[in-house]
PDB file of all heavy atoms in Angstrom:
ATOM      1  N   VAL A   1    -129.959  42.696  68.080  1.00  0.00           N
ATOM      2  CA  VAL A   1    -129.164  42.985  66.875  1.00  0.00           C
ATOM      3  C   VAL A   1    -129.102  41.742  65.982  1.00  0.00           C
ATOM      4  O   VAL A   1    -129.239  41.843  64.757  1.00  0.00           O
ATOM      5  CB  VAL A   1    -127.748  43.476  67.264  1.00  0.00           C
ATOM      6  CG1 VAL A   1    -126.824  43.504  66.063  1.00  0.00           C
ATOM      7  CG2 VAL A   1    -127.823  44.859  67.902  1.00  0.00           C
ATOM      8  N   VAL A   2    -128.919  40.571  66.578  1.00  0.00           N
ATOM      9  CA  VAL A   2    -128.877  39.323  65.807  1.00  0.00           C
ATOM     10  C   VAL A   2    -130.233  39.076  65.132  1.00  0.00           C
ATOM     11  O   VAL A   2    -130.290  38.683  63.964  1.00  0.00           O
ATOM     12  CB  VAL A   2    -128.477  38.137  66.717  1.00  0.00           C
ATOM     13  CG1 VAL A   2    -128.690  36.802  66.028  1.00  0.00           C
ATOM     14  CG2 VAL A   2    -127.033  38.290  67.160  1.00  0.00           C
ATOM     15  N   GLU A   3    -131.336  39.330  65.848  1.00  0.00           N
ATOM     16  CA  GLU A   3    -132.671  39.163  65.264  1.00  0.00           C
ATOM     17  C   GLU A   3    -132.879  40.125  64.098  1.00  0.00           C
ATOM     18  O   GLU A   3    -133.459  39.746  63.073  1.00  0.00           O
ATOM     19  CB  GLU A   3    -133.742  39.378  66.327  1.00  0.00           C
ATOM     20  CG  GLU A   3    -133.817  38.270  67.357  1.00  0.00           C
ATOM     21  CD  GLU A   3    -134.679  38.632  68.552  1.00  0.00           C
ATOM     22  OE1 GLU A   3    -135.291  39.723  68.573  1.00  0.00           O
ATOM     23  OE2 GLU A   3    -134.738  37.811  69.491  1.00  0.00           O
ATOM     24  N   ASN A   4    -132.425  41.361  64.244  1.00  0.00           N
ATOM     25  CA  ASN A   4    -132.539  42.325  63.144  1.00  0.00           C
ATOM     26  C   ASN A   4    -131.742  41.863  61.935  1.00  0.00           C
ATOM     27  O   ASN A   4    -132.191  42.002  60.795  1.00  0.00           O
ATOM     28  CB  ASN A   4    -132.063  43.715  63.588  1.00  0.00           C
ATOM     29  CG  ASN A   4    -133.088  44.420  64.434  1.00  0.00           C
ATOM     30  OD1 ASN A   4    -134.280  44.159  64.347  1.00  0.00           O
ATOM     31  ND2 ASN A   4    -132.624  45.327  65.273  1.00  0.00           N
ATOM     32  N   SER A   5    -130.577  41.324  62.170  1.00  0.00           N
ATOM     33  CA  SER A   5    -129.750  40.818  61.074  1.00  0.00           C
ATOM     34  C   SER A   5    -130.465  39.678  60.340  1.00  0.00           C
ATOM     35  O   SER A   5    -130.456  39.611  59.112  1.00  0.00           O
ATOM     36  CB  SER A   5    -128.401  40.343  61.620  1.00  0.00           C
ATOM     37  OG  SER A   5    -127.620  39.788  60.599  1.00  0.00           O
ATOM     38  N   ALA A   6    -131.089  38.807  61.089  1.00  0.00           N
ATOM     39  CA  ALA A   6    -131.831  37.697  60.483  1.00  0.00           C
ATOM     40  C   ALA A   6    -133.004  38.217  59.660  1.00  0.00           C
ATOM     41  O   ALA A   6    -133.281  37.695  58.574  1.00  0.00           O
ATOM     42  CB  ALA A   6    -132.317  36.740  61.562  1.00  0.00           C
ATOM     43  N   ARG A   7    -133.681  39.251  60.154  1.00  0.00           N
ATOM     44  CA  ARG A   7    -134.804  39.837  59.398  1.00  0.00           C
ATOM     45  C   ARG A   7    -134.331  40.442  58.092  1.00  0.00           C
ATOM     46  O   ARG A   7    -135.030  40.368  57.080  1.00  0.00           O
ATOM     47  CB  ARG A   7    -135.493  40.927  60.227  1.00  0.00           C
ATOM     48  CG  ARG A   7    -136.497  40.380  61.195  1.00  0.00           C
ATOM     49  CD  ARG A   7    -137.290  41.459  61.900  1.00  0.00           C
ATOM     50  NE  ARG A   7    -137.858  42.417  60.994  1.00  0.00           N
ATOM     51  CZ  ARG A   7    -138.004  43.714  61.267  1.00  0.00           C
ATOM     52  NH1 ARG A   7    -137.622  44.198  62.424  1.00  0.00           N
ATOM     53  NH2 ARG A   7    -138.535  44.532  60.391  1.00  0.00           N
ATOM     54  N   ARG A   8    -133.128  41.059  58.091  1.00  0.00           N
ATOM     55  CA  ARG A   8    -132.598  41.636  56.852  1.00  0.00           C
ATOM     56  C   ARG A   8    -132.321  40.558  55.824  1.00  0.00           C
ATOM     57  O   ARG A   8    -132.483  40.769  54.629  1.00  0.00           O
ATOM     58  CB  ARG A   8    -131.312  42.417  57.131  1.00  0.00           C
ATOM     59  CG  ARG A   8    -131.539  43.790  57.664  1.00  0.00           C
ATOM     60  CD  ARG A   8    -130.287  44.636  57.614  1.00  0.00           C
ATOM     61  NE  ARG A   8    -129.179  44.115  58.370  1.00  0.00           N
ATOM     62  CZ  ARG A   8    -128.966  44.311  59.672  1.00  0.00           C
ATOM     63  NH1 ARG A   8    -129.835  45.007  60.372  1.00  0.00           N
ATOM     64  NH2 ARG A   8    -127.915  43.808  60.273  1.00  0.00           N
ATOM     65  N   LYS A   9    -131.895  39.396  56.278  1.00  0.00           N
ATOM     66  CA  LYS A   9    -131.534  38.313  55.361  1.00  0.00           C
ATOM     67  C   LYS A   9    -132.740  37.488  54.922  1.00  0.00           C
ATOM     68  O   LYS A   9    -132.628  36.687  54.008  1.00  0.00           O
ATOM     69  CB  LYS A   9    -130.497  37.409  56.028  1.00  0.00           C
ATOM     70  CG  LYS A   9    -129.184  38.110  56.249  1.00  0.00           C
ATOM     71  CD  LYS A   9    -128.214  37.244  56.990  1.00  0.00           C
ATOM     72  CE  LYS A   9    -126.944  38.034  57.275  1.00  0.00           C
ATOM     73  NZ  LYS A   9    -126.029  37.297  58.130  1.00  0.00           N
ATOM     74  N   MET A  10    -133.892  37.678  55.557  1.00  0.00           N
ATOM     75  CA  MET A  10    -135.070  36.880  55.258  1.00  0.00           C
ATOM     76  C   MET A  10    -135.595  37.092  53.845  1.00  0.00           C
ATOM     77  O   MET A  10    -136.181  36.187  53.269  1.00  0.00           O
ATOM     78  CB  MET A  10    -136.197  37.185  56.249  1.00  0.00           C
ATOM     79  CG  MET A  10    -136.437  36.076  57.208  1.00  0.00           C
ATOM     80  SD  MET A  10    -137.981  36.203  58.098  1.00  0.00           S
ATOM     81  CE  MET A  10    -137.983  37.812  58.771  1.00  0.00           C
ATOM     82  N   ASN A  11    -135.403  38.260  53.257  1.00  0.00           N
ATOM     83  CA  ASN A  11    -135.939  38.514  51.926  1.00  0.00           C
ATOM     84  C   ASN A  11    -135.378  37.533  50.907  1.00  0.00           C
ATOM     85  O   ASN A  11    -136.094  37.060  50.031  1.00  0.00           O
ATOM     86  CB  ASN A  11    -135.634  39.947  51.493  1.00  0.00           C
ATOM     87  CG  ASN A  11    -136.441  40.951  52.282  1.00  0.00           C
ATOM     88  OD1 ASN A  11    -137.506  40.635  52.764  1.00  0.00           O
ATOM     89  ND2 ASN A  11    -135.917  42.142  52.433  1.00  0.00           N
ATOM     90  N   ALA A  12    -134.113  37.199  50.993  1.00  0.00           N
ATOM     91  CA  ALA A  12    -133.517  36.242  50.074  1.00  0.00           C
ATOM     92  C   ALA A  12    -134.118  34.858  50.264  1.00  0.00           C
ATOM     93  O   ALA A  12    -134.235  34.081  49.315  1.00  0.00           O
ATOM     94  CB  ALA A  12    -132.006  36.195  50.272  1.00  0.00           C
ATOM     95  N   ALA A  13    -134.520  34.541  51.461  1.00  0.00           N
ATOM     96  CA  ALA A  13    -135.105  33.225  51.742  1.00  0.00           C
ATOM     97  C   ALA A  13    -136.485  33.067  51.113  1.00  0.00           C
ATOM     98  O   ALA A  13    -136.965  31.947  50.967  1.00  0.00           O
ATOM     99  CB  ALA A  13    -135.185  33.008  53.243  1.00  0.00           C
ATOM    100  N   LYS A  14    -137.117  34.165  50.720  1.00  0.00           N
ATOM    101  CA  LYS A  14    -138.455  34.097  50.140  1.00  0.00           C
ATOM    102  C   LYS A  14    -138.431  33.696  48.663  1.00  0.00           C
ATOM    103  O   LYS A  14    -139.457  33.327  48.117  1.00  0.00           O
ATOM    104  CB  LYS A  14    -139.154  35.455  50.279  1.00  0.00           C
ATOM    105  CG  LYS A  14    -139.487  35.818  51.694  1.00  0.00           C
ATOM    106  CD  LYS A  14    -140.158  37.168  51.753  1.00  0.00           C
ATOM    107  CE  LYS A  14    -140.417  37.577  53.187  1.00  0.00           C
ATOM    108  NZ  LYS A  14    -141.007  38.917  53.267  1.00  0.00           N
ATOM    109  N   ILE A  15    -137.288  33.740  48.013  1.00  0.00           N
ATOM    110  CA  ILE A  15    -137.206  33.460  46.573  1.00  0.00           C
ATOM    111  C   ILE A  15    -137.696  32.055  46.237  1.00  0.00           C
ATOM    112  O   ILE A  15    -138.518  31.902  45.319  1.00  0.00           O
ATOM    113  CB  ILE A  15    -135.772  33.713  46.052  1.00  0.00           C
ATOM    114  CG1 ILE A  15    -135.473  35.213  46.136  1.00  0.00           C
ATOM    115  CG2 ILE A  15    -135.602  33.206  44.620  1.00  0.00           C
ATOM    116  CD1 ILE A  15    -134.054  35.591  45.814  1.00  0.00           C
ATOM    117  N   PRO A  16    -137.250  30.997  46.924  1.00  0.00           N
ATOM    118  CA  PRO A  16    -137.770  29.661  46.571  1.00  0.00           C
ATOM    119  C   PRO A  16    -139.288  29.556  46.732  1.00  0.00           C
ATOM    120  O   PRO A  16    -139.947  28.893  45.922  1.00  0.00           O
ATOM    121  CB  PRO A  16    -137.055  28.727  47.551  1.00  0.00           C
ATOM    122  CG  PRO A  16    -135.818  29.450  47.946  1.00  0.00           C
ATOM    123  CD  PRO A  16    -136.181  30.899  47.910  1.00  0.00           C
ATOM    124  N   GLU A  17    -139.844  30.220  47.736  1.00  0.00           N
ATOM    125  CA  GLU A  17    -141.296  30.189  47.922  1.00  0.00           C
ATOM    126  C   GLU A  17    -142.010  30.839  46.738  1.00  0.00           C
ATOM    127  O   GLU A  17    -143.026  30.328  46.265  1.00  0.00           O
ATOM    128  CB  GLU A  17    -141.676  30.915  49.206  1.00  0.00           C
ATOM    129  CG  GLU A  17    -141.225  30.240  50.474  1.00  0.00           C
ATOM    130  CD  GLU A  17    -141.498  31.102  51.706  1.00  0.00           C
ATOM    131  OE1 GLU A  17    -142.357  32.004  51.639  1.00  0.00           O
ATOM    132  OE2 GLU A  17    -140.838  30.860  52.728  1.00  0.00           O
ATOM    133  N   VAL A  18    -141.487  31.946  46.268  1.00  0.00           N
ATOM    134  CA  VAL A  18    -142.109  32.648  45.141  1.00  0.00           C
ATOM    135  C   VAL A  18    -141.986  31.813  43.867  1.00  0.00           C
ATOM    136  O   VAL A  18    -142.933  31.719  43.081  1.00  0.00           O
ATOM    137  CB  VAL A  18    -141.482  34.050  44.968  1.00  0.00           C
ATOM    138  CG1 VAL A  18    -141.969  34.698  43.690  1.00  0.00           C
ATOM    139  CG2 VAL A  18    -141.814  34.924  46.161  1.00  0.00           C
ATOM    140  N   LEU A  19    -140.831  31.184  43.678  1.00  0.00           N
ATOM    141  CA  LEU A  19    -140.661  30.331  42.501  1.00  0.00           C
ATOM    142  C   LEU A  19    -141.648  29.166  42.527  1.00  0.00           C
ATOM    143  O   LEU A  19    -142.240  28.809  41.492  1.00  0.00           O
ATOM    144  CB  LEU A  19    -139.226  29.805  42.421  1.00  0.00           C
ATOM    145  CG  LEU A  19    -138.152  30.847  42.098  1.00  0.00           C
ATOM    146  CD1 LEU A  19    -136.776  30.222  42.172  1.00  0.00           C
ATOM    147  CD2 LEU A  19    -138.396  31.467  40.740  1.00  0.00           C
ATOM    148  N   LYS A  20    -141.850  28.593  43.709  1.00  0.00           N
ATOM    149  CA  LYS A  20    -142.821  27.505  43.848  1.00  0.00           C
ATOM    150  C   LYS A  20    -144.223  28.016  43.554  1.00  0.00           C
ATOM    151  O   LYS A  20    -145.020  27.344  42.900  1.00  0.00           O
ATOM    152  CB  LYS A  20    -142.741  26.928  45.262  1.00  0.00           C
ATOM    153  CG  LYS A  20    -143.639  25.740  45.494  1.00  0.00           C
ATOM    154  CD  LYS A  20    -143.485  25.193  46.894  1.00  0.00           C
ATOM    155  CE  LYS A  20    -144.444  24.056  47.111  1.00  0.00           C
ATOM    156  NZ  LYS A  20    -144.397  23.549  48.482  1.00  0.00           N
ATOM    157  N   GLU A  21    -144.522  29.211  44.024  1.00  0.00           N
ATOM    158  CA  GLU A  21    -145.834  29.819  43.785  1.00  0.00           C
ATOM    159  C   GLU A  21    -146.064  30.033  42.289  1.00  0.00           C
ATOM    160  O   GLU A  21    -147.156  29.784  41.776  1.00  0.00           O
ATOM    161  CB  GLU A  21    -145.903  31.158  44.535  1.00  0.00           C
ATOM    162  CG  GLU A  21    -147.265  31.781  44.608  1.00  0.00           C
ATOM    163  CD  GLU A  21    -147.259  33.055  45.443  1.00  0.00           C
ATOM    164  OE1 GLU A  21    -146.424  33.188  46.348  1.00  0.00           O
ATOM    165  OE2 GLU A  21    -148.116  33.914  45.162  1.00  0.00           O
ATOM    166  N   ILE A  22    -145.026  30.463  41.562  1.00  0.00           N
ATOM    167  CA  ILE A  22    -145.143  30.666  40.106  1.00  0.00           C
ATOM    168  C   ILE A  22    -145.384  29.326  39.414  1.00  0.00           C
ATOM    169  O   ILE A  22    -146.243  29.198  38.539  1.00  0.00           O
ATOM    170  CB  ILE A  22    -143.865  31.345  39.554  1.00  0.00           C
ATOM    171  CG1 ILE A  22    -143.776  32.787  40.048  1.00  0.00           C
ATOM    172  CG2 ILE A  22    -143.839  31.304  38.027  1.00  0.00           C
ATOM    173  CD1 ILE A  22    -142.449  33.444  39.762  1.00  0.00           C
ATOM    174  N   LYS A  23    -144.608  28.330  39.827  1.00  0.00           N
ATOM    175  CA  LYS A  23    -144.702  27.004  39.212  1.00  0.00           C
ATOM    176  C   LYS A  23    -146.081  26.392  39.404  1.00  0.00           C
ATOM    177  O   LYS A  23    -146.612  25.739  38.506  1.00  0.00           O
ATOM    178  CB  LYS A  23    -143.632  26.099  39.814  1.00  0.00           C
ATOM    179  CG  LYS A  23    -143.605  24.708  39.269  1.00  0.00           C
ATOM    180  CD  LYS A  23    -142.529  23.898  39.966  1.00  0.00           C
ATOM    181  CE  LYS A  23    -142.692  22.434  39.629  1.00  0.00           C
ATOM    182  NZ  LYS A  23    -141.797  21.603  40.426  1.00  0.00           N
ATOM    183  N   GLU A  24    -146.681  26.628  40.570  1.00  0.00           N
ATOM    184  CA  GLU A  24    -147.958  26.005  40.889  1.00  0.00           C
ATOM    185  C   GLU A  24    -149.164  26.857  40.498  1.00  0.00           C
ATOM    186  O   GLU A  24    -150.302  26.463  40.756  1.00  0.00           O
ATOM    187  CB  GLU A  24    -148.009  25.680  42.381  1.00  0.00           C
ATOM    188  CG  GLU A  24    -147.006  24.613  42.782  1.00  0.00           C
ATOM    189  CD  GLU A  24    -146.957  24.382  44.276  1.00  0.00           C
ATOM    190  OE1 GLU A  24    -147.646  25.112  45.037  1.00  0.00           O
ATOM    191  OE2 GLU A  24    -146.222  23.478  44.692  1.00  0.00           O
TER     192      GLU A  24
END
């Protein structure tokens, strides 16, 4: 259940990566 919760929250963690990808 804790792992599933972490997977649900992972999408928000991808935002900085996408912003870096746009910048570069």
